[in-house]
PDB file of N, CA and C in Angstrom:
ATOM      1  N   UNK A   1       3.824 -26.475  13.018  1.00  0.00           N
ATOM      2  CA  UNK A   1       5.192 -26.104  12.366  1.00  0.00           C
ATOM      3  C   UNK A   1       5.627 -26.482  11.040  1.00  0.00           C
ATOM      4  N   UNK A   2       4.507 -27.211  10.941  1.00  0.00           N
ATOM      5  CA  UNK A   2       5.338 -27.699   9.286  1.00  0.00           C
ATOM      6  C   UNK A   2       4.161 -27.270   8.203  1.00  0.00           C
ATOM      7  N   UNK A   3       3.473 -26.762   9.290  1.00  0.00           N
ATOM      8  CA  UNK A   3       2.114 -26.740   8.030  1.00  0.00           C
ATOM      9  C   UNK A   3       3.127 -24.297   7.901  1.00  0.00           C
ATOM     10  N   UNK A   4       4.037 -23.730   8.647  1.00  0.00           N
ATOM     11  CA  UNK A   4       4.419 -23.070   8.785  1.00  0.00           C
ATOM     12  C   UNK A   4       5.847 -23.110   7.757  1.00  0.00           C
ATOM     13  N   UNK A   5       5.987 -24.143   7.415  1.00  0.00           N
ATOM     14  CA  UNK A   5       7.226 -24.096   6.785  1.00  0.00           C
ATOM     15  C   UNK A   5       7.215 -24.234   5.096  1.00  0.00           C
ATOM     16  N   UNK A   6       5.603 -25.238   5.146  1.00  0.00           N
ATOM     17  CA  UNK A   6       5.025 -25.097   4.035  1.00  0.00           C
ATOM     18  C   UNK A   6       4.130 -24.017   2.708  1.00  0.00           C
ATOM     19  N   UNK A   7       4.384 -23.250   4.430  1.00  0.00           N
ATOM     20  CA  UNK A   7       3.423 -21.131   4.022  1.00  0.00           C
ATOM     21  C   UNK A   7       4.904 -21.234   3.331  1.00  0.00           C
ATOM     22  N   UNK A   8       5.298 -20.706   4.233  1.00  0.00           N
ATOM     23  CA  UNK A   8       6.866 -20.381   4.050  1.00  0.00           C
ATOM     24  C   UNK A   8       8.399 -20.985   2.457  1.00  0.00           C
ATOM     25  N   UNK A   9       7.920 -22.043   2.060  1.00  0.00           N
ATOM     26  CA  UNK A   9       8.194 -22.493   1.101  1.00  0.00           C
ATOM     27  C   UNK A   9       7.555 -22.136  -0.449  1.00  0.00           C
ATOM     28  N   UNK A  10       6.270 -21.929   0.259  1.00  0.00           N
ATOM     29  CA  UNK A  10       5.705 -21.631  -1.109  1.00  0.00           C
ATOM     30  C   UNK A  10       5.905 -19.962  -1.556  1.00  0.00           C
ATOM     31  N   UNK A  11       5.181 -19.864  -0.355  1.00  0.00           N
ATOM     32  CA  UNK A  11       5.811 -17.900  -0.656  1.00  0.00           C
ATOM     33  C   UNK A  11       7.777 -17.787  -1.186  1.00  0.00           C
ATOM     34  N   UNK A  12       8.609 -18.717  -0.932  1.00  0.00           N
ATOM     35  CA  UNK A  12       9.746 -18.459  -1.925  1.00  0.00           C
ATOM     36  C   UNK A  12       8.731 -18.660  -3.254  1.00  0.00           C
ATOM     37  N   UNK A  13       9.106 -19.853  -3.184  1.00  0.00           N
ATOM     38  CA  UNK A  13       8.793 -20.393  -4.512  1.00  0.00           C
ATOM     39  C   UNK A  13       8.057 -19.531  -5.483  1.00  0.00           C
ATOM     40  N   UNK A  14       6.634 -19.146  -5.156  1.00  0.00           N
ATOM     41  CA  UNK A  14       5.803 -17.647  -5.625  1.00  0.00           C
ATOM     42  C   UNK A  14       6.912 -16.729  -5.716  1.00  0.00           C
ATOM     43  N   UNK A  15       7.451 -16.318  -5.283  1.00  0.00           N
ATOM     44  CA  UNK A  15       8.579 -14.668  -5.212  1.00  0.00           C
ATOM     45  C   UNK A  15       9.606 -15.079  -6.533  1.00  0.00           C
ATOM     46  N   UNK A  16       9.996 -16.747  -6.537  1.00  0.00           N
ATOM     47  CA  UNK A  16      11.127 -17.188  -7.792  1.00  0.00           C
ATOM     48  C   UNK A  16      10.475 -17.194  -8.909  1.00  0.00           C
ATOM     49  N   UNK A  17       9.250 -17.530  -8.881  1.00  0.00           N
ATOM     50  CA  UNK A  17       8.229 -18.158  -9.813  1.00  0.00           C
ATOM     51  C   UNK A  17       8.131 -15.381 -11.006  1.00  0.00           C
ATOM     52  N   UNK A  18       7.752 -15.016  -9.801  1.00  0.00           N
ATOM     53  CA  UNK A  18       7.809 -13.197  -9.751  1.00  0.00           C
ATOM     54  C   UNK A  18       9.008 -12.888 -11.120  1.00  0.00           C
ATOM     55  N   UNK A  19       9.901 -13.175 -10.042  1.00  0.00           N
ATOM     56  CA  UNK A  19      10.523 -12.836 -10.495  1.00  0.00           C
ATOM     57  C   UNK A  19      11.651 -13.479 -11.887  1.00  0.00           C
ATOM     58  N   UNK A  20      11.198 -14.594 -12.025  1.00  0.00           N
ATOM     59  CA  UNK A  20      11.933 -15.233 -13.364  1.00  0.00           C
ATOM     60  C   UNK A  20      10.737 -15.034 -14.601  1.00  0.00           C
ATOM     61  N   UNK A  21       9.497 -15.039 -14.331  1.00  0.00           N
ATOM     62  CA  UNK A  21       9.112 -14.650 -15.511  1.00  0.00           C
ATOM     63  C   UNK A  21       8.374 -12.612 -16.267  1.00  0.00           C
ATOM     64  N   UNK A  22       8.851 -11.920 -14.500  1.00  0.00           N
ATOM     65  CA  UNK A  22       8.587 -10.664 -15.050  1.00  0.00           C
ATOM     66  C   UNK A  22       9.979 -10.266 -15.921  1.00  0.00           C
ATOM     67  N   UNK A  23      10.891 -10.587 -16.451  1.00  0.00           N
ATOM     68  CA  UNK A  23      11.939 -10.204 -17.306  1.00  0.00           C
ATOM     69  C   UNK A  23      10.967 -10.705 -18.260  1.00  0.00           C
ATOM     70  N   UNK A  24      11.353 -12.531 -18.634  1.00  0.00           N
ATOM     71  CA  UNK A  24      10.958 -12.420 -19.579  1.00  0.00           C
ATOM     72  C   UNK A  24       9.206 -11.916 -20.591  1.00  0.00           C
ATOM     73  N   UNK A  25       8.363 -11.035 -19.609  1.00  0.00           N
ATOM     74  CA  UNK A  25       7.091 -11.006 -19.965  1.00  0.00           C
ATOM     75  C   UNK A  25       7.141  -9.623 -20.737  1.00  0.00           C
ATOM     76  N   UNK A  26       8.711  -9.067 -20.433  1.00  0.00           N
ATOM     77  CA  UNK A  26       8.825  -7.999 -21.348  1.00  0.00           C
ATOM     78  C   UNK A  26       9.126  -7.764 -22.210  1.00  0.00           C
ATOM     79  N   UNK A  27       9.732  -8.879 -22.425  1.00  0.00           N
ATOM     80  CA  UNK A  27      10.888  -9.647 -23.541  1.00  0.00           C
ATOM     81  C   UNK A  27       9.477  -9.593 -24.064  1.00  0.00           C
ATOM     82  N   UNK A  28       8.877 -10.314 -24.487  1.00  0.00           N
ATOM     83  CA  UNK A  28       7.391 -10.561 -25.230  1.00  0.00           C
ATOM     84  C   UNK A  28       6.775  -9.445 -25.383  1.00  0.00           C
ATOM     85  N   UNK A  29       6.674  -8.865 -24.602  1.00  0.00           N
ATOM     86  CA  UNK A  29       6.133  -7.370 -25.035  1.00  0.00           C
ATOM     87  C   UNK A  29       6.479  -6.755 -25.662  1.00  0.00           C
ATOM     88  N   UNK A  30       8.187  -6.488 -26.045  1.00  0.00           N
ATOM     89  CA  UNK A  30       9.140  -5.625 -26.517  1.00  0.00           C
ATOM     90  C   UNK A  30       8.962  -6.132 -28.183  1.00  0.00           C
ATOM     91  N   UNK A  31       8.689  -7.793 -28.017  1.00  0.00           N
ATOM     92  CA  UNK A  31       8.807  -8.725 -29.008  1.00  0.00           C
ATOM     93  C   UNK A  31       7.508  -8.662 -30.692  1.00  0.00           C
ATOM     94  N   UNK A  32       6.420  -8.094 -29.499  1.00  0.00           N
ATOM     95  CA  UNK A  32       4.642  -8.067 -29.817  1.00  0.00           C
ATOM     96  C   UNK A  32       5.396  -7.069 -31.465  1.00  0.00           C
TER      97      UNK A  32
END
């Protein structure tokens, strides 16, 4: 159960990371 919770938390963190850095990468690409 602890492993499932950790895996779920890691998936949520990874999704948050993608959603936050995707617009940032687009802005950086537009600046170049």
